[in-house]
């Protein structure tokens, strides 16, 4: 029973992390030339294998210019991992 609950929690966390990448609509075609340049970048991902799983999320900030140009960046990332021991 505990194992089933743990797997359900893992699946929920992985699903939420994966859904974060799809939650934002694609609006690239709708952007006009008057849109200010973006200084922020957010990302997330999931890696699932037979006996391990890993989820991560992070953000980057370009304080002195847009993200699509070279320059100084500040980044932060966090993740969670689980190793499943086979018995």
N, C-alpha and C. Protein backbone atom coordinates (compact mmCIF):
# COMPACT_ATOMS: atom_id res chain seq x y z
N UNK A 1 0.82 -1.18 0.00
CA UNK A 1 0.00 0.00 0.00
C UNK A 1 0.87 1.26 0.00
N UNK A 2 1.93 1.25 0.80
CA UNK A 2 2.83 2.41 0.84
C UNK A 2 3.51 2.63 -0.50
N UNK A 3 3.88 1.53 -1.13
CA UNK A 3 4.55 1.62 -2.42
C UNK A 3 3.62 2.23 -3.47
N UNK A 4 2.35 1.87 -3.44
CA UNK A 4 1.38 2.42 -4.38
C UNK A 4 1.19 3.92 -4.14
N UNK A 5 1.13 4.34 -2.88
CA UNK A 5 1.00 5.77 -2.57
C UNK A 5 2.23 6.53 -3.02
N UNK A 6 3.39 5.96 -2.78
CA UNK A 6 4.64 6.62 -3.19
C UNK A 6 4.69 6.77 -4.70
N UNK A 7 4.30 5.74 -5.43
CA UNK A 7 4.29 5.82 -6.89
C UNK A 7 3.27 6.84 -7.37
N UNK A 8 2.14 6.91 -6.71
CA UNK A 8 1.13 7.90 -7.09
C UNK A 8 1.66 9.32 -6.86
N UNK A 9 2.35 9.54 -5.75
CA UNK A 9 2.94 10.86 -5.48
C UNK A 9 4.01 11.17 -6.52
N UNK A 10 4.85 10.20 -6.84
CA UNK A 10 5.89 10.41 -7.85
C UNK A 10 5.27 10.77 -9.19
N UNK A 11 4.24 10.05 -9.57
CA UNK A 11 3.58 10.31 -10.84
C UNK A 11 2.97 11.71 -10.86
N UNK A 12 2.40 12.15 -9.74
CA UNK A 12 1.81 13.48 -9.66
C UNK A 12 2.88 14.55 -9.80
N UNK A 13 4.00 14.40 -9.10
CA UNK A 13 5.08 15.39 -9.19
C UNK A 13 5.64 15.44 -10.60
N UNK A 14 5.88 14.30 -11.18
CA UNK A 14 6.43 14.24 -12.54
C UNK A 14 5.44 14.84 -13.53
N UNK A 15 4.17 14.53 -13.36
CA UNK A 15 3.15 15.09 -14.24
C UNK A 15 3.06 16.60 -14.14
N UNK A 16 3.14 17.13 -12.93
CA UNK A 16 3.08 18.58 -12.75
C UNK A 16 4.30 19.26 -13.36
N UNK A 17 5.47 18.68 -13.17
CA UNK A 17 6.68 19.25 -13.76
C UNK A 17 6.61 19.21 -15.29
N UNK A 18 6.14 18.11 -15.83
CA UNK A 18 6.04 17.99 -17.28
C UNK A 18 4.99 18.93 -17.84
N UNK A 19 3.88 19.08 -17.14
CA UNK A 19 2.80 19.96 -17.61
C UNK A 19 3.22 21.41 -17.59
N UNK A 20 4.16 21.77 -16.72
CA UNK A 20 4.62 23.15 -16.67
C UNK A 20 5.17 23.63 -18.00
N UNK A 21 5.80 22.76 -18.75
CA UNK A 21 6.32 23.14 -20.05
C UNK A 21 5.25 23.31 -21.11
N UNK A 22 4.07 22.72 -20.91
CA UNK A 22 3.01 22.81 -21.89
C UNK A 22 1.91 23.77 -21.48
N UNK A 23 2.00 24.34 -20.29
CA UNK A 23 0.92 25.18 -19.78
C UNK A 23 0.86 26.54 -20.47
N UNK A 24 1.97 27.01 -21.01
CA UNK A 24 1.98 28.31 -21.64
C UNK A 24 1.64 28.16 -23.12
N UNK A 25 0.66 28.91 -23.63
CA UNK A 25 0.28 28.79 -25.04
C UNK A 25 1.35 29.35 -25.95
N UNK A 26 1.42 28.82 -27.13
CA UNK A 26 2.38 29.31 -28.12
C UNK A 26 1.83 30.59 -28.73
N UNK A 27 2.48 31.69 -28.45
CA UNK A 27 1.99 32.98 -28.92
C UNK A 27 3.01 33.69 -29.80
N UNK A 28 3.99 32.98 -30.31
CA UNK A 28 5.05 33.61 -31.11
C UNK A 28 4.48 34.29 -32.34
N UNK A 29 3.48 33.70 -32.98
CA UNK A 29 2.89 34.30 -34.17
C UNK A 29 2.07 35.54 -33.84
N UNK A 30 1.62 35.66 -32.61
CA UNK A 30 0.77 36.77 -32.22
C UNK A 30 1.55 37.97 -31.71
N UNK A 31 2.85 37.82 -31.48
CA UNK A 31 3.65 38.91 -30.96
C UNK A 31 3.88 39.96 -32.04
N UNK A 32 3.83 41.21 -31.65
CA UNK A 32 4.10 42.28 -32.60
C UNK A 32 5.48 42.86 -32.35
N UNK A 33 5.91 43.78 -33.20
CA UNK A 33 7.22 44.41 -33.05
C UNK A 33 7.26 45.34 -31.85
N UNK A 34 6.12 45.70 -31.28
CA UNK A 34 6.06 46.63 -30.17
C UNK A 34 6.24 45.93 -28.83
N UNK A 35 6.34 44.62 -28.81
CA UNK A 35 6.51 43.88 -27.57
C UNK A 35 7.91 44.12 -27.03
N UNK A 36 8.03 44.48 -25.75
CA UNK A 36 9.37 44.69 -25.19
C UNK A 36 10.16 43.38 -25.14
N UNK A 37 11.48 43.44 -25.22
CA UNK A 37 12.28 42.22 -25.19
C UNK A 37 12.16 41.51 -23.84
N UNK A 38 12.23 40.20 -23.90
CA UNK A 38 12.11 39.39 -22.68
C UNK A 38 13.44 39.33 -21.95
N UNK A 39 13.41 39.53 -20.65
CA UNK A 39 14.61 39.44 -19.82
C UNK A 39 14.58 38.20 -18.93
N UNK A 40 13.51 37.39 -19.03
CA UNK A 40 13.36 36.21 -18.19
C UNK A 40 13.19 34.97 -19.05
N UNK A 41 13.63 33.83 -18.51
CA UNK A 41 13.48 32.54 -19.18
C UNK A 41 13.21 31.50 -18.10
N UNK A 42 12.11 30.77 -18.25
CA UNK A 42 11.74 29.73 -17.30
C UNK A 42 11.75 28.38 -18.00
N UNK A 43 12.17 27.34 -17.31
CA UNK A 43 12.23 26.01 -17.91
C UNK A 43 11.98 24.93 -16.86
N UNK A 44 11.58 23.77 -17.34
CA UNK A 44 11.39 22.61 -16.46
C UNK A 44 11.54 21.36 -17.30
N UNK A 45 11.76 20.24 -16.63
CA UNK A 45 11.89 18.99 -17.35
C UNK A 45 11.84 17.79 -16.43
N UNK A 46 11.72 16.64 -17.04
CA UNK A 46 11.62 15.38 -16.32
C UNK A 46 12.44 14.34 -17.06
N UNK A 47 13.15 13.52 -16.31
CA UNK A 47 13.88 12.39 -16.87
C UNK A 47 13.47 11.16 -16.08
N UNK A 48 12.88 10.19 -16.75
CA UNK A 48 12.40 8.98 -16.08
C UNK A 48 13.06 7.78 -16.76
N UNK A 49 13.66 6.94 -15.94
CA UNK A 49 14.27 5.71 -16.43
C UNK A 49 13.71 4.54 -15.63
N UNK A 50 14.24 3.36 -15.87
CA UNK A 50 13.70 2.16 -15.24
C UNK A 50 13.77 2.23 -13.72
N UNK A 51 14.91 2.69 -13.18
CA UNK A 51 15.06 2.67 -11.73
C UNK A 51 15.38 4.05 -11.13
N UNK A 52 15.28 5.11 -11.92
CA UNK A 52 15.49 6.46 -11.40
C UNK A 52 14.50 7.43 -12.03
N UNK A 53 14.26 8.52 -11.36
CA UNK A 53 13.46 9.60 -11.92
C UNK A 53 14.01 10.92 -11.38
N UNK A 54 13.94 11.95 -12.21
CA UNK A 54 14.50 13.24 -11.85
C UNK A 54 13.65 14.33 -12.48
N UNK A 55 13.29 15.32 -11.71
CA UNK A 55 12.55 16.47 -12.21
C UNK A 55 13.28 17.74 -11.83
N UNK A 56 13.24 18.73 -12.70
CA UNK A 56 13.94 19.98 -12.41
C UNK A 56 13.16 21.16 -12.97
N UNK A 57 13.45 22.32 -12.43
CA UNK A 57 12.88 23.57 -12.90
C UNK A 57 13.87 24.68 -12.60
N UNK A 58 13.81 25.72 -13.39
CA UNK A 58 14.73 26.81 -13.17
C UNK A 58 14.31 28.07 -13.90
N UNK A 59 15.10 29.10 -13.71
CA UNK A 59 14.84 30.38 -14.34
C UNK A 59 16.17 31.07 -14.62
N UNK A 60 16.16 31.92 -15.63
CA UNK A 60 17.31 32.74 -15.96
C UNK A 60 16.83 34.18 -16.12
N UNK A 61 17.70 35.12 -15.76
CA UNK A 61 17.37 36.53 -15.84
C UNK A 61 18.53 37.26 -16.50
N UNK A 62 18.21 38.08 -17.47
CA UNK A 62 19.21 38.91 -18.14
C UNK A 62 18.95 40.35 -17.71
N UNK A 63 19.65 40.86 -16.70
CA UNK A 63 19.34 42.18 -16.16
C UNK A 63 19.74 43.35 -17.08
N UNK A 64 20.68 43.14 -18.00
CA UNK A 64 21.20 44.25 -18.79
C UNK A 64 20.83 44.20 -20.27
N UNK A 65 19.99 43.27 -20.67
CA UNK A 65 19.61 43.18 -22.08
C UNK A 65 18.65 42.04 -22.30
N UNK A 66 18.18 41.89 -23.54
CA UNK A 66 17.25 40.80 -23.85
C UNK A 66 17.95 39.44 -23.84
N UNK A 67 17.16 38.40 -23.66
CA UNK A 67 17.70 37.04 -23.58
C UNK A 67 18.28 36.55 -24.91
N UNK A 68 17.83 37.10 -26.03
CA UNK A 68 18.30 36.61 -27.32
C UNK A 68 19.61 37.26 -27.77
N UNK A 69 20.25 38.03 -26.91
CA UNK A 69 21.54 38.64 -27.21
C UNK A 69 22.57 38.17 -26.18
N UNK A 70 23.83 38.26 -26.54
CA UNK A 70 24.89 37.88 -25.60
C UNK A 70 24.91 38.85 -24.43
N UNK A 71 25.29 38.33 -23.27
CA UNK A 71 25.39 39.19 -22.11
C UNK A 71 25.36 38.43 -20.81
N UNK A 72 25.31 39.17 -19.73
CA UNK A 72 25.32 38.62 -18.37
C UNK A 72 23.99 37.95 -18.05
N UNK A 73 24.03 36.77 -17.39
CA UNK A 73 22.82 36.04 -16.99
C UNK A 73 22.96 35.58 -15.55
N UNK A 74 21.87 35.61 -14.83
CA UNK A 74 21.77 35.00 -13.51
C UNK A 74 20.81 33.83 -13.63
N UNK A 75 21.22 32.66 -13.15
CA UNK A 75 20.39 31.46 -13.27
C UNK A 75 20.23 30.78 -11.92
N UNK A 76 19.07 30.17 -11.74
CA UNK A 76 18.79 29.36 -10.55
C UNK A 76 18.07 28.10 -11.01
N UNK A 77 18.43 26.97 -10.40
CA UNK A 77 17.82 25.70 -10.78
C UNK A 77 17.65 24.84 -9.54
N UNK A 78 16.58 24.09 -9.51
CA UNK A 78 16.33 23.15 -8.42
C UNK A 78 15.83 21.84 -9.03
N UNK A 79 16.05 20.76 -8.32
CA UNK A 79 15.59 19.47 -8.82
C UNK A 79 15.36 18.50 -7.68
N UNK A 80 14.68 17.44 -8.04
CA UNK A 80 14.42 16.37 -7.08
C UNK A 80 14.62 15.04 -7.81
N UNK A 81 15.24 14.11 -7.12
CA UNK A 81 15.55 12.81 -7.74
C UNK A 81 15.09 11.68 -6.82
N UNK A 82 14.82 10.57 -7.44
CA UNK A 82 14.43 9.36 -6.68
C UNK A 82 15.06 8.17 -7.37
N UNK A 83 15.70 7.34 -6.59
CA UNK A 83 16.29 6.10 -7.10
C UNK A 83 15.48 4.95 -6.54
N UNK A 84 14.99 4.11 -7.42
CA UNK A 84 14.19 2.95 -7.04
C UNK A 84 15.11 1.74 -6.96
N UNK A 85 15.26 1.19 -5.80
CA UNK A 85 16.10 0.02 -5.62
C UNK A 85 15.32 -1.24 -5.99
N UNK A 86 15.91 -2.05 -6.81
CA UNK A 86 15.27 -3.30 -7.20
C UNK A 86 15.59 -4.37 -6.17
N UNK A 87 14.60 -5.15 -5.82
CA UNK A 87 14.80 -6.20 -4.83
C UNK A 87 14.63 -7.57 -5.44
